[in-house]
């Protein structure tokens, strides 16, 4: 399959822009962004989030913060391409599962659902199976640090190890947590390191890589 122009444009800004959100916001105003699969991203603009956990606003605003954070940390990643696509698509499952329950905004299972949506999105644009699967599994497991730290029944360290790189999951989760208004960088870094410790993984993921 020949790559779609939109795919190349988005990937270029993800990989090369200091703050990809600038071009992504411009793309979102273009007619081609209203067509499938890019329309899946436009739905993020219509998806509410809990104002307690996400004071920055809707899922699109959160995603823009996450993408910019990920761009600043891409040298920490073992696979920057998949890492940055994951930053963009990590919450793509939220539009379909977001509900108001007893006055609270919830998005249960958005990680599981998001893995399928990430596959659907990327498969419409490229036949690079390895990239698609790397991104989908990172989306699937991006909530694991929270589940593991809180000892929730959704934690699945064995499955995470089988399908993806735990340290990449930690880096995605770190960007996810920092992509919020008022995020405490030191607290989130400590949580990521604690997660890696619980998974018995090396804890140098947040250190700059040396040449």
N, C-alpha and C. Protein backbone atom coordinates (compact mmCIF):
# COMPACT_ATOMS: atom_id res chain seq x y z
N UNK A 1 0.84 -1.19 0.00
CA UNK A 1 0.00 0.00 0.00
C UNK A 1 0.88 1.25 0.00
N UNK A 2 0.54 2.19 -0.89
CA UNK A 2 1.26 3.47 -0.89
C UNK A 2 0.77 4.32 0.27
N UNK A 3 1.69 4.91 1.00
CA UNK A 3 1.30 5.72 2.16
C UNK A 3 0.45 6.91 1.72
N UNK A 4 -0.58 7.21 2.51
CA UNK A 4 -1.44 8.35 2.24
C UNK A 4 -0.69 9.64 2.57
N UNK A 5 -0.94 10.72 1.81
CA UNK A 5 -0.27 12.00 2.08
C UNK A 5 -0.48 12.47 3.53
N UNK A 6 -1.68 12.27 4.05
CA UNK A 6 -1.95 12.69 5.42
C UNK A 6 -1.11 11.95 6.42
N UNK A 7 -0.87 10.67 6.16
CA UNK A 7 -0.02 9.87 7.04
C UNK A 7 1.39 10.45 7.06
N UNK A 8 1.92 10.74 5.88
CA UNK A 8 3.28 11.27 5.78
C UNK A 8 3.40 12.64 6.44
N UNK A 9 2.37 13.47 6.27
CA UNK A 9 2.40 14.81 6.86
C UNK A 9 2.39 14.73 8.39
N UNK A 10 1.53 13.87 8.92
CA UNK A 10 1.46 13.72 10.38
C UNK A 10 2.75 13.13 10.91
N UNK A 11 3.26 12.10 10.24
CA UNK A 11 4.49 11.48 10.72
C UNK A 11 5.66 12.46 10.68
N UNK A 12 5.69 13.29 9.65
CA UNK A 12 6.78 14.27 9.55
C UNK A 12 6.76 15.23 10.74
N UNK A 13 5.58 15.71 11.11
CA UNK A 13 5.54 16.66 12.23
C UNK A 13 5.79 15.95 13.55
N UNK A 14 5.34 14.69 13.69
CA UNK A 14 5.61 13.95 14.91
C UNK A 14 7.10 13.75 15.13
N UNK A 15 7.79 13.40 14.06
CA UNK A 15 9.21 13.06 14.18
C UNK A 15 10.14 14.27 14.19
N UNK A 16 9.71 15.37 13.59
CA UNK A 16 10.66 16.47 13.38
C UNK A 16 10.31 17.79 14.06
N UNK A 17 9.06 17.99 14.47
CA UNK A 17 8.70 19.26 15.08
C UNK A 17 9.00 19.25 16.58
N UNK A 18 9.49 20.36 17.06
CA UNK A 18 9.73 20.49 18.50
C UNK A 18 8.42 20.39 19.27
N UNK A 19 7.36 20.96 18.70
CA UNK A 19 6.02 20.89 19.28
C UNK A 19 5.04 20.50 18.18
N UNK A 20 4.83 19.21 17.94
CA UNK A 20 3.96 18.76 16.85
C UNK A 20 2.53 19.28 16.92
N UNK A 21 2.09 19.69 18.09
CA UNK A 21 0.71 20.15 18.24
C UNK A 21 0.39 21.32 17.32
N UNK A 22 1.38 22.14 17.00
CA UNK A 22 1.15 23.28 16.13
C UNK A 22 0.64 22.87 14.76
N UNK A 23 1.37 21.97 14.12
CA UNK A 23 0.93 21.51 12.80
C UNK A 23 -0.29 20.62 12.88
N UNK A 24 -0.40 19.84 13.95
CA UNK A 24 -1.58 18.98 14.10
C UNK A 24 -2.85 19.81 14.21
N UNK A 25 -2.78 20.91 14.93
CA UNK A 25 -3.95 21.78 15.02
C UNK A 25 -4.30 22.38 13.65
N UNK A 26 -3.28 22.70 12.88
CA UNK A 26 -3.52 23.23 11.54
C UNK A 26 -4.13 22.16 10.64
N UNK A 27 -3.60 20.93 10.72
CA UNK A 27 -4.15 19.82 9.93
C UNK A 27 -5.62 19.61 10.26
N UNK A 28 -5.98 19.74 11.54
CA UNK A 28 -7.35 19.47 11.98
C UNK A 28 -8.36 20.43 11.35
N UNK A 29 -7.87 21.54 10.80
CA UNK A 29 -8.75 22.50 10.13
C UNK A 29 -8.85 22.26 8.63
N UNK A 30 -8.07 21.31 8.12
CA UNK A 30 -8.06 21.02 6.68
C UNK A 30 -9.19 20.06 6.32
N UNK A 31 -9.73 20.18 5.09
CA UNK A 31 -10.82 19.29 4.67
C UNK A 31 -10.45 17.81 4.75
N UNK A 32 -9.20 17.45 4.44
CA UNK A 32 -8.83 16.04 4.43
C UNK A 32 -8.89 15.41 5.81
N UNK A 33 -8.80 16.23 6.85
CA UNK A 33 -8.83 15.71 8.21
C UNK A 33 -10.23 15.27 8.61
N UNK A 34 -11.23 15.69 7.84
CA UNK A 34 -12.61 15.28 8.14
C UNK A 34 -12.95 13.94 7.55
N UNK A 35 -12.05 13.41 6.71
CA UNK A 35 -12.28 12.11 6.08
C UNK A 35 -11.69 11.00 6.96
N UNK A 36 -12.25 9.80 6.81
CA UNK A 36 -11.72 8.64 7.52
C UNK A 36 -10.31 8.33 7.01
N UNK A 37 -9.38 7.94 7.88
CA UNK A 37 -9.52 7.69 9.31
C UNK A 37 -9.23 8.90 10.20
N UNK A 38 -8.84 10.04 9.58
CA UNK A 38 -8.45 11.20 10.39
C UNK A 38 -9.62 11.73 11.20
N UNK A 39 -10.83 11.48 10.71
CA UNK A 39 -12.03 11.89 11.44
C UNK A 39 -12.09 11.23 12.82
N UNK A 40 -11.40 10.11 12.99
CA UNK A 40 -11.34 9.46 14.31
C UNK A 40 -10.64 10.37 15.31
N UNK A 41 -9.68 11.14 14.83
CA UNK A 41 -8.99 12.09 15.70
C UNK A 41 -9.85 13.31 16.00
N UNK A 42 -10.65 13.74 15.00
CA UNK A 42 -11.53 14.88 15.24
C UNK A 42 -12.53 14.59 16.36
N UNK A 43 -12.91 13.32 16.50
CA UNK A 43 -13.85 12.96 17.56
C UNK A 43 -13.29 13.24 18.95
N UNK A 44 -11.95 13.29 19.05
CA UNK A 44 -11.34 13.59 20.34
C UNK A 44 -11.73 14.99 20.81
N UNK A 45 -11.99 15.90 19.85
CA UNK A 45 -12.36 17.27 20.20
C UNK A 45 -13.75 17.33 20.83
N UNK A 46 -14.56 16.33 20.57
CA UNK A 46 -15.94 16.31 21.07
C UNK A 46 -16.08 15.46 22.32
N UNK A 47 -14.97 14.91 22.81
CA UNK A 47 -15.03 13.95 23.91
C UNK A 47 -14.60 14.60 25.21
N UNK A 48 -15.53 14.67 26.15
CA UNK A 48 -15.25 15.29 27.45
C UNK A 48 -14.34 14.41 28.29
N UNK A 49 -13.71 15.05 29.27
CA UNK A 49 -12.92 14.34 30.26
C UNK A 49 -13.27 14.88 31.64
N UNK A 50 -12.88 14.12 32.66
CA UNK A 50 -13.13 14.57 34.02
C UNK A 50 -12.35 15.86 34.28
N UNK A 51 -13.01 16.94 34.70
CA UNK A 51 -12.29 18.18 34.99
C UNK A 51 -11.35 18.05 36.20
N UNK A 52 -11.58 17.03 37.01
CA UNK A 52 -10.70 16.80 38.15
C UNK A 52 -9.36 16.25 37.69
N UNK A 53 -9.41 15.24 36.83
CA UNK A 53 -8.18 14.59 36.36
C UNK A 53 -7.61 15.25 35.10
N UNK A 54 -8.46 15.95 34.36
CA UNK A 54 -8.01 16.57 33.10
C UNK A 54 -8.52 18.00 32.99
N UNK A 55 -7.99 18.90 33.81
CA UNK A 55 -8.44 20.29 33.73
C UNK A 55 -8.09 20.98 32.42
N UNK A 56 -7.22 20.34 31.61
CA UNK A 56 -6.84 20.96 30.34
C UNK A 56 -7.98 20.93 29.33
N UNK A 57 -9.01 20.08 29.57
CA UNK A 57 -10.15 20.09 28.66
C UNK A 57 -10.42 18.75 28.00
N UNK A 58 -10.86 18.79 26.76
CA UNK A 58 -11.28 17.58 26.05
C UNK A 58 -10.09 16.69 25.71
N UNK A 59 -10.39 15.53 25.13
CA UNK A 59 -9.35 14.55 24.85
C UNK A 59 -8.34 15.07 23.82
N UNK A 60 -8.80 15.88 22.88
CA UNK A 60 -7.89 16.45 21.89
C UNK A 60 -6.85 17.36 22.57
N UNK A 61 -7.30 18.23 23.48
CA UNK A 61 -6.37 19.12 24.16
C UNK A 61 -5.35 18.31 24.98
N UNK A 62 -5.82 17.29 25.64
CA UNK A 62 -4.91 16.40 26.39
C UNK A 62 -3.91 15.76 25.44
N UNK A 63 -4.39 15.26 24.31
CA UNK A 63 -3.52 14.58 23.35
C UNK A 63 -2.45 15.52 22.81
N UNK A 64 -2.80 16.76 22.56
CA UNK A 64 -1.82 17.72 22.08
C UNK A 64 -0.70 17.93 23.09
N UNK A 65 -1.04 17.99 24.38
CA UNK A 65 -0.03 18.12 25.42
C UNK A 65 0.85 16.88 25.48
N UNK A 66 0.23 15.72 25.35
CA UNK A 66 0.98 14.46 25.40
C UNK A 66 1.95 14.36 24.22
N UNK A 67 1.48 14.71 23.04
CA UNK A 67 2.33 14.64 21.84
C UNK A 67 3.54 15.57 21.97
N UNK A 68 3.33 16.77 22.47
CA UNK A 68 4.45 17.70 22.64
C UNK A 68 5.44 17.19 23.69
N UNK A 69 4.93 16.60 24.75
CA UNK A 69 5.81 16.01 25.77
C UNK A 69 6.60 14.85 25.19
N UNK A 70 5.93 14.02 24.42
CA UNK A 70 6.60 12.87 23.80
C UNK A 70 7.68 13.31 22.82
N UNK A 71 7.42 14.38 22.08
CA UNK A 71 8.42 14.87 21.13
C UNK A 71 9.68 15.31 21.86
N UNK A 72 9.50 15.89 23.04
CA UNK A 72 10.65 16.34 23.82
C UNK A 72 11.43 15.17 24.42
N UNK A 73 10.79 14.01 24.53
CA UNK A 73 11.42 12.85 25.17
C UNK A 73 11.71 11.71 24.19
N UNK A 74 11.59 11.97 22.90
CA UNK A 74 11.70 10.89 21.92
C UNK A 74 13.07 10.21 21.92
N UNK A 75 14.12 10.93 22.34
CA UNK A 75 15.45 10.30 22.36
C UNK A 75 15.56 9.25 23.46
N UNK A 76 14.62 9.23 24.40
CA UNK A 76 14.60 8.20 25.44
C UNK A 76 13.99 6.90 24.93
N UNK A 77 13.29 6.97 23.81
CA UNK A 77 12.56 5.82 23.29
C UNK A 77 13.45 4.89 22.47
N UNK A 78 13.20 3.59 22.59
CA UNK A 78 13.91 2.61 21.78
C UNK A 78 13.35 2.55 20.37
N UNK A 79 12.16 3.10 20.17
CA UNK A 79 11.52 3.12 18.85
C UNK A 79 10.69 4.38 18.71
N UNK A 80 11.34 5.52 18.41
CA UNK A 80 10.65 6.81 18.39
C UNK A 80 9.42 6.87 17.49
N UNK A 81 9.46 6.18 16.36
CA UNK A 81 8.33 6.24 15.43
C UNK A 81 7.06 5.71 16.08
N UNK A 82 7.13 4.49 16.58
CA UNK A 82 5.97 3.88 17.24
C UNK A 82 5.59 4.66 18.50
N UNK A 83 6.58 5.13 19.22
CA UNK A 83 6.35 5.88 20.45
C UNK A 83 5.54 7.15 20.17
N UNK A 84 5.90 7.89 19.13
CA UNK A 84 5.21 9.14 18.84
C UNK A 84 3.82 8.91 18.25
N UNK A 85 3.66 7.87 17.43
CA UNK A 85 2.32 7.53 16.95
C UNK A 85 1.44 7.10 18.12
N UNK A 86 2.02 6.41 19.08
CA UNK A 86 1.26 6.02 20.26
C UNK A 86 0.82 7.24 21.05
N UNK A 87 1.70 8.21 21.18
CA UNK A 87 1.33 9.44 21.89
C UNK A 87 0.10 10.08 21.25
N UNK A 88 0.06 10.07 19.92
CA UNK A 88 -1.08 10.66 19.21
C UNK A 88 -2.35 9.82 19.36
N UNK A 89 -2.20 8.50 19.37
CA UNK A 89 -3.36 7.61 19.32
C UNK A 89 -3.71 6.97 20.66
N UNK A 90 -3.00 7.32 21.73
CA UNK A 90 -3.17 6.56 22.97
C UNK A 90 -4.59 6.60 23.53
N UNK A 91 -5.33 7.68 23.28
CA UNK A 91 -6.70 7.79 23.79
C UNK A 91 -7.74 7.73 22.69
N UNK A 92 -7.39 7.15 21.55
CA UNK A 92 -8.32 7.11 20.43
C UNK A 92 -9.55 6.27 20.72
N UNK A 93 -9.48 5.45 21.76
CA UNK A 93 -10.64 4.65 22.15
C UNK A 93 -11.65 5.40 23.00
N UNK A 94 -11.30 6.56 23.51
CA UNK A 94 -12.18 7.27 24.44
C UNK A 94 -13.52 7.72 23.86
N UNK A 95 -13.58 8.22 22.62
CA UNK A 95 -14.88 8.67 22.12
C UNK A 95 -15.98 7.61 22.19
N UNK A 96 -15.64 6.37 21.97
CA UNK A 96 -16.66 5.31 21.95
C UNK A 96 -17.06 4.80 23.33
N UNK A 97 -16.21 5.04 24.34
CA UNK A 97 -16.51 4.46 25.66
C UNK A 97 -16.76 5.50 26.75
N UNK A 98 -16.63 6.77 26.43
CA UNK A 98 -16.84 7.81 27.45
C UNK A 98 -18.33 7.91 27.81
N UNK A 99 -18.59 7.89 29.11
CA UNK A 99 -19.95 7.95 29.63
C UNK A 99 -20.00 8.89 30.85
N UNK A 100 -21.18 9.36 31.15
CA UNK A 100 -21.41 10.10 32.39
C UNK A 100 -22.07 9.13 33.36
N UNK A 101 -21.39 8.81 34.44
CA UNK A 101 -21.92 7.88 35.44
C UNK A 101 -21.99 8.60 36.79
N UNK A 102 -23.21 8.77 37.28
CA UNK A 102 -23.42 9.44 38.56
C UNK A 102 -22.70 10.78 38.63
N UNK A 103 -22.80 11.52 37.53
CA UNK A 103 -22.20 12.84 37.47
C UNK A 103 -20.72 12.87 37.18
N UNK A 104 -20.12 11.70 36.97
CA UNK A 104 -18.68 11.62 36.68
C UNK A 104 -18.44 11.19 35.25
N UNK A 105 -17.43 11.80 34.63
CA UNK A 105 -17.03 11.40 33.28
C UNK A 105 -16.09 10.21 33.39
N UNK A 106 -16.45 9.11 32.74
CA UNK A 106 -15.61 7.91 32.77
C UNK A 106 -15.30 7.45 31.35
N UNK A 107 -14.22 6.68 31.22
CA UNK A 107 -13.83 6.12 29.91
C UNK A 107 -13.26 4.72 30.15
N UNK A 108 -14.06 3.88 30.80
CA UNK A 108 -13.60 2.53 31.13
C UNK A 108 -13.24 1.74 29.87
N UNK A 109 -12.16 0.98 29.96
CA UNK A 109 -11.69 0.11 28.87
C UNK A 109 -11.24 0.88 27.63
N UNK A 110 -10.92 2.17 27.78
CA UNK A 110 -10.49 2.89 26.59
C UNK A 110 -9.15 2.39 26.08
N UNK A 111 -8.36 1.76 26.96
CA UNK A 111 -7.08 1.21 26.53
C UNK A 111 -7.27 -0.02 25.65
N UNK A 112 -8.14 -0.92 26.07
CA UNK A 112 -8.43 -2.11 25.25
C UNK A 112 -9.10 -1.73 23.94
N UNK A 113 -10.12 -0.91 24.04
CA UNK A 113 -10.83 -0.47 22.84
C UNK A 113 -9.92 0.34 21.94
N UNK A 114 -9.07 1.13 22.55
CA UNK A 114 -8.16 1.97 21.79
C UNK A 114 -7.17 1.19 20.96
N UNK A 115 -6.76 0.02 21.44
CA UNK A 115 -5.83 -0.81 20.67
C UNK A 115 -6.45 -1.19 19.33
N UNK A 116 -7.74 -1.57 19.34
CA UNK A 116 -8.43 -1.93 18.10
C UNK A 116 -8.60 -0.70 17.20
N UNK A 117 -8.91 0.44 17.80
CA UNK A 117 -9.09 1.65 17.01
C UNK A 117 -7.77 2.13 16.41
N UNK A 118 -6.67 1.95 17.15
CA UNK A 118 -5.36 2.33 16.62
C UNK A 118 -5.01 1.46 15.40
N UNK A 119 -5.31 0.17 15.50
CA UNK A 119 -5.07 -0.72 14.36
C UNK A 119 -5.90 -0.27 13.16
N UNK A 120 -7.16 0.04 13.42
CA UNK A 120 -8.06 0.47 12.34
C UNK A 120 -7.54 1.76 11.69
N UNK A 121 -7.13 2.70 12.50
CA UNK A 121 -6.62 3.97 12.00
C UNK A 121 -5.39 3.77 11.13
N UNK A 122 -4.40 3.10 11.66
CA UNK A 122 -3.13 2.95 10.93
C UNK A 122 -3.26 2.03 9.72
N UNK A 123 -4.07 0.99 9.84
CA UNK A 123 -4.23 0.06 8.71
C UNK A 123 -4.87 0.73 7.50
N UNK A 124 -5.60 1.81 7.73
CA UNK A 124 -6.20 2.55 6.62
C UNK A 124 -5.19 3.42 5.89
N UNK A 125 -3.99 3.57 6.49
CA UNK A 125 -3.00 4.48 5.94
C UNK A 125 -1.70 3.82 5.53
N UNK A 126 -1.38 2.66 6.10
CA UNK A 126 -0.11 2.00 5.82
C UNK A 126 -0.26 0.50 5.99
N UNK A 127 0.57 -0.25 5.27
CA UNK A 127 0.55 -1.70 5.45
C UNK A 127 1.75 -2.17 6.28
N UNK A 128 2.37 -1.25 7.01
CA UNK A 128 3.51 -1.60 7.87
C UNK A 128 3.00 -2.31 9.12
N UNK A 129 2.87 -3.61 9.01
CA UNK A 129 2.30 -4.41 10.10
C UNK A 129 3.07 -4.24 11.40
N UNK A 130 4.38 -4.19 11.32
CA UNK A 130 5.18 -4.08 12.53
C UNK A 130 4.88 -2.77 13.26
N UNK A 131 4.80 -1.67 12.54
CA UNK A 131 4.48 -0.39 13.16
C UNK A 131 3.08 -0.43 13.77
N UNK A 132 2.13 -0.94 13.01
CA UNK A 132 0.74 -1.00 13.48
C UNK A 132 0.66 -1.78 14.79
N UNK A 133 1.30 -2.95 14.84
CA UNK A 133 1.21 -3.77 16.03
C UNK A 133 1.96 -3.17 17.21
N UNK A 134 3.10 -2.57 16.96
CA UNK A 134 3.83 -1.91 18.05
C UNK A 134 2.98 -0.82 18.70
N UNK A 135 2.35 -0.01 17.86
CA UNK A 135 1.53 1.08 18.37
C UNK A 135 0.30 0.52 19.09
N UNK A 136 -0.36 -0.43 18.48
CA UNK A 136 -1.59 -0.99 19.07
C UNK A 136 -1.33 -1.58 20.45
N UNK A 137 -0.23 -2.31 20.60
CA UNK A 137 0.06 -2.91 21.90
C UNK A 137 0.47 -1.87 22.94
N UNK A 138 1.15 -0.83 22.51
CA UNK A 138 1.48 0.25 23.46
C UNK A 138 0.22 0.97 23.91
N UNK A 139 -0.71 1.19 22.99
CA UNK A 139 -2.00 1.78 23.36
C UNK A 139 -2.72 0.86 24.34
N UNK A 140 -2.72 -0.42 24.02
CA UNK A 140 -3.41 -1.39 24.88
C UNK A 140 -2.88 -1.37 26.32
N UNK A 141 -1.59 -1.19 26.49
CA UNK A 141 -1.00 -1.30 27.83
C UNK A 141 -0.60 0.03 28.45
N UNK A 142 -1.01 1.15 27.85
CA UNK A 142 -0.51 2.44 28.37
C UNK A 142 -1.06 2.78 29.76
N UNK A 143 -2.11 2.12 30.19
CA UNK A 143 -2.66 2.36 31.52
C UNK A 143 -2.07 1.44 32.58
N UNK A 144 -1.23 0.51 32.19
CA UNK A 144 -0.70 -0.46 33.14
C UNK A 144 0.05 0.16 34.32
N UNK A 145 0.84 1.21 34.14
CA UNK A 145 1.50 1.79 35.32
C UNK A 145 0.51 2.17 36.42
N UNK A 146 -0.62 2.75 36.05
CA UNK A 146 -1.64 3.09 37.04
C UNK A 146 -2.21 1.83 37.69
N UNK A 147 -2.52 0.82 36.86
CA UNK A 147 -3.11 -0.41 37.38
C UNK A 147 -2.14 -1.13 38.31
N UNK A 148 -0.87 -1.16 37.93
CA UNK A 148 0.13 -1.86 38.73
C UNK A 148 0.37 -1.13 40.05
N UNK A 149 0.52 0.19 39.99
CA UNK A 149 0.80 0.95 41.21
C UNK A 149 -0.36 0.90 42.19
N UNK A 150 -1.58 0.79 41.68
CA UNK A 150 -2.75 0.73 42.55
C UNK A 150 -3.21 -0.71 42.83
N UNK A 151 -2.44 -1.68 42.32
CA UNK A 151 -2.76 -3.10 42.50
C UNK A 151 -4.19 -3.41 42.06
N UNK A 152 -4.59 -2.84 40.94
CA UNK A 152 -5.94 -3.07 40.42
C UNK A 152 -6.01 -4.41 39.68
N UNK A 153 -7.20 -4.99 39.60
CA UNK A 153 -7.33 -6.30 38.95
C UNK A 153 -7.03 -6.28 37.45
N UNK A 154 -6.95 -5.08 36.86
CA UNK A 154 -6.68 -4.97 35.43
C UNK A 154 -5.19 -5.07 35.11
N UNK A 155 -4.34 -5.12 36.13
CA UNK A 155 -2.91 -5.18 35.85
C UNK A 155 -2.57 -6.50 35.18
N UNK A 156 -1.65 -6.43 34.24
CA UNK A 156 -1.29 -7.62 33.45
C UNK A 156 0.17 -7.50 33.02
N UNK A 157 1.06 -7.67 33.96
CA UNK A 157 2.48 -7.54 33.68
C UNK A 157 2.94 -8.61 32.70
N UNK A 158 2.46 -9.82 32.87
CA UNK A 158 2.86 -10.91 31.98
C UNK A 158 2.44 -10.63 30.55
N UNK A 159 1.20 -10.20 30.37
CA UNK A 159 0.73 -9.90 29.01
C UNK A 159 1.47 -8.73 28.40
N UNK A 160 1.76 -7.74 29.23
CA UNK A 160 2.51 -6.57 28.76
C UNK A 160 3.90 -6.99 28.29
N UNK A 161 4.55 -7.83 29.07
CA UNK A 161 5.88 -8.33 28.68
C UNK A 161 5.82 -9.12 27.38
N UNK A 162 4.77 -9.89 27.21
CA UNK A 162 4.66 -10.76 26.04
C UNK A 162 4.45 -9.97 24.75
N UNK A 163 3.81 -8.82 24.85
CA UNK A 163 3.41 -8.11 23.64
C UNK A 163 4.15 -6.81 23.36
N UNK A 164 4.84 -6.26 24.36
CA UNK A 164 5.49 -4.98 24.13
C UNK A 164 6.65 -4.79 25.09
N UNK A 165 7.27 -3.64 25.04
CA UNK A 165 8.43 -3.31 25.87
C UNK A 165 7.94 -2.54 27.09
N UNK A 166 8.14 -3.08 28.27
CA UNK A 166 7.66 -2.46 29.50
C UNK A 166 8.21 -1.04 29.65
N UNK A 167 9.45 -0.83 29.27
CA UNK A 167 10.06 0.49 29.42
C UNK A 167 9.45 1.50 28.45
N UNK A 168 9.02 1.04 27.28
CA UNK A 168 8.30 1.93 26.36
C UNK A 168 6.92 2.29 26.92
N UNK A 169 6.27 1.31 27.53
CA UNK A 169 4.99 1.56 28.19
C UNK A 169 5.16 2.63 29.27
N UNK A 170 6.23 2.50 30.05
CA UNK A 170 6.50 3.46 31.11
C UNK A 170 6.69 4.86 30.55
N UNK A 171 7.39 4.98 29.43
CA UNK A 171 7.66 6.28 28.83
C UNK A 171 6.37 6.90 28.28
N UNK A 172 5.54 6.08 27.63
CA UNK A 172 4.25 6.57 27.14
C UNK A 172 3.39 7.05 28.31
N UNK A 173 3.35 6.25 29.37
CA UNK A 173 2.54 6.61 30.53
C UNK A 173 3.04 7.90 31.18
N UNK A 174 4.33 8.08 31.21
CA UNK A 174 4.92 9.30 31.77
C UNK A 174 4.45 10.52 30.98
N UNK A 175 4.49 10.42 29.66
CA UNK A 175 4.02 11.52 28.81
C UNK A 175 2.52 11.75 29.01
N UNK A 176 1.78 10.66 29.14
CA UNK A 176 0.34 10.74 29.37
C UNK A 176 0.04 11.52 30.65
N UNK A 177 0.77 11.21 31.70
CA UNK A 177 0.54 11.87 32.99
C UNK A 177 0.98 13.34 32.96
N UNK A 178 2.03 13.63 32.20
CA UNK A 178 2.49 15.02 32.12
C UNK A 178 1.61 15.86 31.19
N UNK A 179 0.81 15.21 30.35
CA UNK A 179 -0.07 15.92 29.43
C UNK A 179 -1.34 16.39 30.10
N UNK A 180 -1.20 16.98 31.26
CA UNK A 180 -2.33 17.49 32.04
C UNK A 180 -1.94 18.83 32.64
N UNK A 181 -2.88 19.73 32.68
CA UNK A 181 -2.61 21.02 33.30
C UNK A 181 -2.27 20.83 34.78
N UNK A 182 -1.14 21.40 35.20
CA UNK A 182 -0.76 21.32 36.59
C UNK A 182 -0.08 20.03 37.00
N UNK A 183 0.39 19.24 36.04
CA UNK A 183 1.04 17.96 36.36
C UNK A 183 2.31 18.20 37.18
N UNK A 184 2.55 17.32 38.14
CA UNK A 184 3.73 17.37 39.00
C UNK A 184 4.80 16.44 38.41
N UNK A 185 5.77 17.02 37.72
CA UNK A 185 6.77 16.22 37.01
C UNK A 185 7.54 15.29 37.96
N UNK A 186 7.95 15.79 39.11
CA UNK A 186 8.72 14.96 40.04
C UNK A 186 7.89 13.78 40.56
N UNK A 187 6.63 14.04 40.87
CA UNK A 187 5.75 12.97 41.34
C UNK A 187 5.56 11.92 40.26
N UNK A 188 5.30 12.36 39.03
CA UNK A 188 5.07 11.41 37.93
C UNK A 188 6.33 10.61 37.60
N UNK A 189 7.48 11.26 37.69
CA UNK A 189 8.73 10.53 37.47
C UNK A 189 8.92 9.46 38.54
N UNK A 190 8.65 9.80 39.78
CA UNK A 190 8.77 8.83 40.88
C UNK A 190 7.83 7.65 40.66
N UNK A 191 6.61 7.93 40.19
CA UNK A 191 5.65 6.86 39.94
C UNK A 191 6.10 5.93 38.82
N UNK A 192 6.68 6.51 37.77
CA UNK A 192 7.19 5.69 36.67
C UNK A 192 8.32 4.78 37.15
N UNK A 193 9.22 5.33 37.94
CA UNK A 193 10.33 4.53 38.45
C UNK A 193 9.83 3.44 39.39
N UNK A 194 8.81 3.74 40.18
CA UNK A 194 8.24 2.73 41.06
C UNK A 194 7.58 1.61 40.25
N UNK A 195 6.89 1.99 39.19
CA UNK A 195 6.29 1.00 38.29
C UNK A 195 7.35 0.08 37.70
N UNK A 196 8.43 0.66 37.20
CA UNK A 196 9.52 -0.15 36.63
C UNK A 196 10.12 -1.06 37.68
N UNK A 197 10.23 -0.57 38.90
CA UNK A 197 10.75 -1.39 39.98
C UNK A 197 9.84 -2.58 40.26
N UNK A 198 8.53 -2.34 40.27
CA UNK A 198 7.57 -3.42 40.51
C UNK A 198 7.60 -4.45 39.38
N UNK A 199 7.96 -3.99 38.19
CA UNK A 199 8.06 -4.90 37.04
C UNK A 199 9.46 -5.49 36.89
N UNK A 200 10.35 -5.14 37.83
CA UNK A 200 11.74 -5.60 37.79
C UNK A 200 12.44 -5.21 36.48
N UNK A 201 12.23 -3.96 36.08
CA UNK A 201 12.83 -3.44 34.86
C UNK A 201 13.91 -2.41 35.21
N UNK A 202 14.86 -2.20 34.29
CA UNK A 202 15.83 -1.14 34.46
C UNK A 202 15.12 0.20 34.55
N UNK A 203 15.66 1.09 35.34
CA UNK A 203 14.96 2.34 35.62
C UNK A 203 15.65 3.55 34.99
N UNK A 204 16.35 3.35 33.88
CA UNK A 204 17.05 4.46 33.23
C UNK A 204 16.25 5.05 32.06
N UNK A 205 14.98 4.70 31.97
CA UNK A 205 14.19 5.11 30.81
C UNK A 205 14.05 6.63 30.70
N UNK A 206 14.11 7.35 31.79
CA UNK A 206 13.94 8.80 31.74
C UNK A 206 15.24 9.56 31.65
N UNK A 207 16.34 8.83 31.58
CA UNK A 207 17.64 9.50 31.44
C UNK A 207 17.97 9.69 29.97
N UNK A 208 18.62 10.81 29.63
CA UNK A 208 19.01 11.02 28.23
C UNK A 208 19.93 9.91 27.76
N UNK A 209 19.72 9.46 26.53
CA UNK A 209 20.61 8.44 25.96
C UNK A 209 21.93 9.08 25.55
N UNK A 210 23.01 8.36 25.77
CA UNK A 210 24.33 8.87 25.36
C UNK A 210 24.68 8.29 24.01
N UNK A 211 25.45 9.05 23.26
CA UNK A 211 25.85 8.59 21.92
C UNK A 211 26.87 7.47 22.03
